[in-house]
Each structure stands twice: as structure tokens, then as C-alpha cells.
Amino acid sequence: MIGPQPYHGHFDGPQHLFAVRVYFEDTDFSGLVYHSRYLHFMERARSDMLACAGIGQREAFEGGQGVYAVADLRIKYRAPAHFDDALLVVSEMEEIRAASVVIHQRVMRADQILTEASVTAAFLSPEGRPRRQPKDWLDKFAAIRDGKGQAK
């Protein structure tokens, strides 16, 4: 028997779209989404984007190749989200480097941008040093940027 499968976002051209709902646990005492929860939403969307593109982060980690770590984050909060809001995290490749990628992300409610961020994810060796990303991953990142990101 196959159990329930987790939700996966999808690509729409160069954009990866990942839907989230605001739960009570995401809000502070005022009923607004707590500022750090946006980072959780964005992290899930980035991880899903890589999985949808066929990039096996777990296999790379378990195989001793390396792991991603956030090296830089610039975030702008524009408007609050509330309990039970349906949100969409839109992620796009901004820059592809030998040992890192820069991903621009927006958390949206309908057409309104609530939060946007630019996230630099560095690929690190098991010892924690910057390392070149696998060549096939660079090709997959280029495909994402060029609007051909869905794994075949």
C-alpha cells in the first residue's frame, strides 16, 4: 500500500510555485504571521524547487558530496499575512555561480507581495568549505532559469 504523498509545487516557466496555508501555529499573539515563519515557507519552497528539478540533496549529503547552507539573506516585509490565508511562494533563479546560487523569492497573497527575499545558498563540502556544485546540478539550475525546470 502506498501512503499519502506530500504536496509538490510546480514550475510555470522560470518560476517555481509552492502553495502554503497559514495555520494558527504560524501566527503571533496579534493574529499576524510571525516574521520568522516566512523563512520557513521560503525554505520549503526552495527545497521543493530543487526536488522538482531532479536535484537530490539527500543523496549528495549521504554520498559525501556536500550540502547547501544559506550564506546570505536579504528580506523585505511589505504586508502581513493572517491566520488561514492561502499564500503562494514564487521562487526564481537569480544567479548561478560555481559554488552557490542566488534565488529570489516572493510570498504572495493573490496578487499582493507580502514578503520578498534574495537568498544565497552556498554548496559546502562535508568539512564546511565552499565546493563547486555538481555539474549536472548547474545544468538543472540553468534549465530552471531558462523556464525548462521540470525534471523529465
C-alpha atoms as a PDB file:
ATOM      1  CA  MET A   1       0.000   0.000   0.000  1.00  0.00           C
ATOM      2  CA  ILE A   2       1.280   3.430  -0.947  1.00  0.00           C
ATOM      3  CA  GLY A   3       0.648   6.045   1.700  1.00  0.00           C
ATOM      4  CA  PRO A   4      -0.298   9.654   1.137  1.00  0.00           C
ATOM      5  CA  GLN A   5       2.149  11.594  -0.976  1.00  0.00           C
ATOM      6  CA  PRO A   6       3.371  15.028   0.102  1.00  0.00           C
ATOM      7  CA  TYR A   7       2.405  18.131  -1.822  1.00  0.00           C
ATOM      8  CA  HIS A   8       4.784  19.280  -4.550  1.00  0.00           C
ATOM      9  CA  GLY A   9       4.815  22.661  -6.200  1.00  0.00           C
ATOM     10  CA  HIS A  10       5.399  23.053  -9.911  1.00  0.00           C
ATOM     11  CA  PHE A  11       7.185  25.156 -12.477  1.00  0.00           C
ATOM     12  CA  ASP A  12       5.453  27.782 -14.554  1.00  0.00           C
ATOM     13  CA  GLY A  13       8.201  28.809 -16.950  1.00  0.00           C
ATOM     14  CA  PRO A  14      11.177  30.001 -14.873  1.00  0.00           C
ATOM     15  CA  GLN A  15       9.074  30.341 -11.716  1.00  0.00           C
ATOM     16  CA  HIS A  16       8.548  27.608  -9.170  1.00  0.00           C
ATOM     17  CA  LEU A  17       5.162  27.936  -7.449  1.00  0.00           C
ATOM     18  CA  PHE A  18       4.586  26.482  -3.979  1.00  0.00           C
ATOM     19  CA  ALA A  19       1.279  26.950  -2.136  1.00  0.00           C
ATOM     20  CA  VAL A  20       1.089  27.219   1.654  1.00  0.00           C
ATOM     21  CA  ARG A  21      -1.721  27.876   4.093  1.00  0.00           C
ATOM     22  CA  VAL A  22      -1.253  29.912   7.255  1.00  0.00           C
ATOM     23  CA  TYR A  23      -2.025  27.833  10.321  1.00  0.00           C
ATOM     24  CA  PHE A  24      -2.646  29.073  13.839  1.00  0.00           C
ATOM     25  CA  GLU A  25       0.873  27.981  14.841  1.00  0.00           C
ATOM     26  CA  ASP A  26       2.306  30.417  12.245  1.00  0.00           C
ATOM     27  CA  THR A  27       0.806  33.462  13.950  1.00  0.00           C
ATOM     28  CA  ASP A  28       1.810  35.539  16.934  1.00  0.00           C
ATOM     29  CA  PHE A  29      -0.476  36.775  19.702  1.00  0.00           C
ATOM     30  CA  SER A  30      -1.829  39.520  17.426  1.00  0.00           C
ATOM     31  CA  GLY A  31      -3.022  37.012  14.800  1.00  0.00           C
ATOM     32  CA  LEU A  32      -0.414  38.029  12.222  1.00  0.00           C
ATOM     33  CA  VAL A  33       2.143  35.649  10.748  1.00  0.00           C
ATOM     34  CA  TYR A  34       5.286  35.781  12.869  1.00  0.00           C
ATOM     35  CA  HIS A  35       8.217  37.178  10.876  1.00  0.00           C
ATOM     36  CA  SER A  36      10.382  34.035  11.011  1.00  0.00           C
ATOM     37  CA  ARG A  37       7.602  31.837   9.604  1.00  0.00           C
ATOM     38  CA  TYR A  38       8.098  33.451   6.185  1.00  0.00           C
ATOM     39  CA  LEU A  39      11.594  31.944   6.244  1.00  0.00           C
ATOM     40  CA  HIS A  40      10.037  28.514   6.855  1.00  0.00           C
ATOM     41  CA  PHE A  41       7.672  28.970   3.921  1.00  0.00           C
ATOM     42  CA  MET A  42      10.565  30.018   1.670  1.00  0.00           C
ATOM     43  CA  GLU A  43      12.799  27.156   2.801  1.00  0.00           C
ATOM     44  CA  ARG A  44      10.120  24.599   1.978  1.00  0.00           C
ATOM     45  CA  ALA A  45       9.612  26.200  -1.426  1.00  0.00           C
ATOM     46  CA  ARG A  46      13.374  26.170  -2.214  1.00  0.00           C
ATOM     47  CA  SER A  47      13.720  22.535  -1.181  1.00  0.00           C
ATOM     48  CA  ASP A  48      10.679  21.609  -3.256  1.00  0.00           C
ATOM     49  CA  MET A  49      12.001  23.550  -6.251  1.00  0.00           C
ATOM     50  CA  LEU A  50      15.231  21.539  -6.187  1.00  0.00           C
ATOM     51  CA  ALA A  51      13.366  18.252  -5.790  1.00  0.00           C
ATOM     52  CA  CYS A  52      11.047  19.118  -8.691  1.00  0.00           C
ATOM     53  CA  ALA A  53      14.116  19.868 -10.827  1.00  0.00           C
ATOM     54  CA  GLY A  54      15.631  16.466 -10.033  1.00  0.00           C
ATOM     55  CA  ILE A  55      18.348  17.685  -7.652  1.00  0.00           C
ATOM     56  CA  GLY A  56      18.906  15.082  -4.934  1.00  0.00           C
ATOM     57  CA  GLN A  57      20.107  16.985  -1.882  1.00  0.00           C
ATOM     58  CA  ARG A  58      19.759  13.990   0.435  1.00  0.00           C
ATOM     59  CA  GLU A  59      21.748  11.733  -1.903  1.00  0.00           C
ATOM     60  CA  ALA A  60      24.505  14.350  -2.176  1.00  0.00           C
ATOM     61  CA  PHE A  61      24.695  14.673   1.587  1.00  0.00           C
ATOM     62  CA  GLU A  62      24.646  10.920   2.226  1.00  0.00           C
ATOM     63  CA  GLY A  63      27.182  10.370  -0.567  1.00  0.00           C
ATOM     64  CA  GLY A  64      29.627  12.841   1.000  1.00  0.00           C
ATOM     65  CA  GLN A  65      29.389  15.373  -1.851  1.00  0.00           C
ATOM     66  CA  GLY A  66      28.136  18.240   0.239  1.00  0.00           C
ATOM     67  CA  VAL A  67      25.170  20.221   1.404  1.00  0.00           C
ATOM     68  CA  TYR A  68      23.609  23.655   0.898  1.00  0.00           C
ATOM     69  CA  ALA A  69      23.691  26.322   3.587  1.00  0.00           C
ATOM     70  CA  VAL A  70      22.226  29.802   3.480  1.00  0.00           C
ATOM     71  CA  ALA A  71      25.180  32.187   3.206  1.00  0.00           C
ATOM     72  CA  ASP A  72      23.262  35.442   2.717  1.00  0.00           C
ATOM     73  CA  LEU A  73      19.653  36.517   3.099  1.00  0.00           C
ATOM     74  CA  ARG A  74      18.070  39.866   2.318  1.00  0.00           C
ATOM     75  CA  ILE A  75      14.396  40.113   3.170  1.00  0.00           C
ATOM     76  CA  LYS A  76      11.750  42.823   2.909  1.00  0.00           C
ATOM     77  CA  TYR A  77       8.431  42.587   4.723  1.00  0.00           C
ATOM     78  CA  ARG A  78       5.736  44.546   2.887  1.00  0.00           C
ATOM     79  CA  ALA A  79       2.376  43.461   4.341  1.00  0.00           C
ATOM     80  CA  PRO A  80       1.229  40.906   6.917  1.00  0.00           C
ATOM     81  CA  ALA A  81      -0.416  37.552   6.328  1.00  0.00           C
ATOM     82  CA  HIS A  82      -3.150  36.303   8.645  1.00  0.00           C
ATOM     83  CA  PHE A  83      -4.443  33.021  10.001  1.00  0.00           C
ATOM     84  CA  ASP A  84      -5.991  30.816   7.270  1.00  0.00           C
ATOM     85  CA  ASP A  85      -4.602  32.883   4.363  1.00  0.00           C
ATOM     86  CA  ALA A  86      -3.752  30.909   1.241  1.00  0.00           C
ATOM     87  CA  LEU A  87      -0.281  32.003   0.147  1.00  0.00           C
ATOM     88  CA  LEU A  88       1.943  31.284  -2.824  1.00  0.00           C
ATOM     89  CA  VAL A  89       5.738  31.252  -2.659  1.00  0.00           C
ATOM     90  CA  VAL A  90       7.205  32.168  -6.045  1.00  0.00           C
ATOM     91  CA  SER A  91      10.884  31.252  -6.476  1.00  0.00           C
ATOM     92  CA  GLU A  92      13.199  32.163  -9.361  1.00  0.00           C
ATOM     93  CA  MET A  93      16.883  31.576 -10.056  1.00  0.00           C
ATOM     94  CA  GLU A  94      18.571  34.960  -9.865  1.00  0.00           C
ATOM     95  CA  GLU A  95      22.202  33.937 -10.285  1.00  0.00           C
ATOM     96  CA  ILE A  96      24.109  30.681 -10.781  1.00  0.00           C
ATOM     97  CA  ARG A  97      27.703  30.527  -9.557  1.00  0.00           C
ATOM     98  CA  ALA A  98      30.200  27.678  -9.364  1.00  0.00           C
ATOM     99  CA  ALA A  99      29.672  27.091  -5.626  1.00  0.00           C
ATOM    100  CA  SER A 100      26.391  28.885  -4.919  1.00  0.00           C
ATOM    101  CA  VAL A 101      23.052  30.013  -6.283  1.00  0.00           C
ATOM    102  CA  VAL A 102      21.010  33.122  -5.606  1.00  0.00           C
ATOM    103  CA  ILE A 103      17.256  32.596  -5.503  1.00  0.00           C
ATOM    104  CA  HIS A 104      14.701  35.394  -5.456  1.00  0.00           C
ATOM    105  CA  GLN A 105      11.516  34.532  -3.574  1.00  0.00           C
ATOM    106  CA  ARG A 106       8.186  36.260  -3.058  1.00  0.00           C
ATOM    107  CA  VAL A 107       5.421  35.277  -0.654  1.00  0.00           C
ATOM    108  CA  MET A 108       2.154  36.333  -2.252  1.00  0.00           C
ATOM    109  CA  ARG A 109      -1.496  36.529  -1.267  1.00  0.00           C
ATOM    110  CA  ALA A 110      -3.313  36.665  -4.603  1.00  0.00           C
ATOM    111  CA  ASP A 111      -1.514  39.463  -6.500  1.00  0.00           C
ATOM    112  CA  GLN A 112      -0.112  41.163  -3.387  1.00  0.00           C
ATOM    113  CA  ILE A 113       3.553  40.722  -2.454  1.00  0.00           C
ATOM    114  CA  LEU A 114       3.737  40.227   1.313  1.00  0.00           C
ATOM    115  CA  THR A 115       7.421  39.425   1.657  1.00  0.00           C
ATOM    116  CA  GLU A 116      10.308  39.092  -0.754  1.00  0.00           C
ATOM    117  CA  ALA A 117      13.839  37.876  -0.281  1.00  0.00           C
ATOM    118  CA  SER A 118      17.074  37.182  -2.088  1.00  0.00           C
ATOM    119  CA  VAL A 119      18.722  34.042  -0.719  1.00  0.00           C
ATOM    120  CA  THR A 120      22.270  32.893  -1.452  1.00  0.00           C
ATOM    121  CA  ALA A 121      22.686  29.155  -0.899  1.00  0.00           C
ATOM    122  CA  ALA A 122      26.312  28.020  -0.843  1.00  0.00           C
ATOM    123  CA  PHE A 123      27.285  24.429  -1.589  1.00  0.00           C
ATOM    124  CA  LEU A 124      29.622  23.195   1.150  1.00  0.00           C
ATOM    125  CA  SER A 125      31.856  20.160   1.477  1.00  0.00           C
ATOM    126  CA  PRO A 126      31.296  17.799   4.439  1.00  0.00           C
ATOM    127  CA  GLU A 127      34.049  19.814   6.154  1.00  0.00           C
ATOM    128  CA  GLY A 128      32.047  23.022   5.734  1.00  0.00           C
ATOM    129  CA  ARG A 129      34.145  24.618   2.992  1.00  0.00           C
ATOM    130  CA  PRO A 130      32.720  26.063  -0.229  1.00  0.00           C
ATOM    131  CA  ARG A 131      32.760  23.498  -3.023  1.00  0.00           C
ATOM    132  CA  ARG A 132      31.757  23.533  -6.667  1.00  0.00           C
ATOM    133  CA  GLN A 133      28.259  22.233  -7.221  1.00  0.00           C
ATOM    134  CA  PRO A 134      27.866  19.063  -9.259  1.00  0.00           C
ATOM    135  CA  LYS A 135      27.966  19.853 -13.000  1.00  0.00           C
ATOM    136  CA  ASP A 136      24.580  18.252 -13.669  1.00  0.00           C
ATOM    137  CA  TRP A 137      23.077  20.471 -10.963  1.00  0.00           C
ATOM    138  CA  LEU A 138      24.452  23.575 -12.684  1.00  0.00           C
ATOM    139  CA  ASP A 139      22.768  22.370 -15.883  1.00  0.00           C
ATOM    140  CA  LYS A 140      19.491  21.874 -13.996  1.00  0.00           C
ATOM    141  CA  PHE A 141      19.744  25.358 -12.473  1.00  0.00           C
ATOM    142  CA  ALA A 142      20.257  26.799 -15.949  1.00  0.00           C
ATOM    143  CA  ALA A 143      17.174  24.887 -17.124  1.00  0.00           C
ATOM    144  CA  ILE A 144      15.169  26.358 -14.237  1.00  0.00           C
ATOM    145  CA  ARG A 145      16.361  29.861 -15.095  1.00  0.00           C
ATOM    146  CA  ASP A 146      15.517  29.296 -18.767  1.00  0.00           C
ATOM    147  CA  GLY A 147      11.992  28.101 -17.965  1.00  0.00           C
ATOM    148  CA  LYS A 148      12.645  24.393 -18.514  1.00  0.00           C
ATOM    149  CA  GLY A 149      12.969  23.409 -14.868  1.00  0.00           C
ATOM    150  CA  GLN A 150      10.670  20.411 -14.549  1.00  0.00           C
ATOM    151  CA  ALA A 151      12.655  17.178 -14.359  1.00  0.00           C
ATOM    152  CA  LYS A 152      11.984  14.799 -17.241  1.00  0.00           C
END
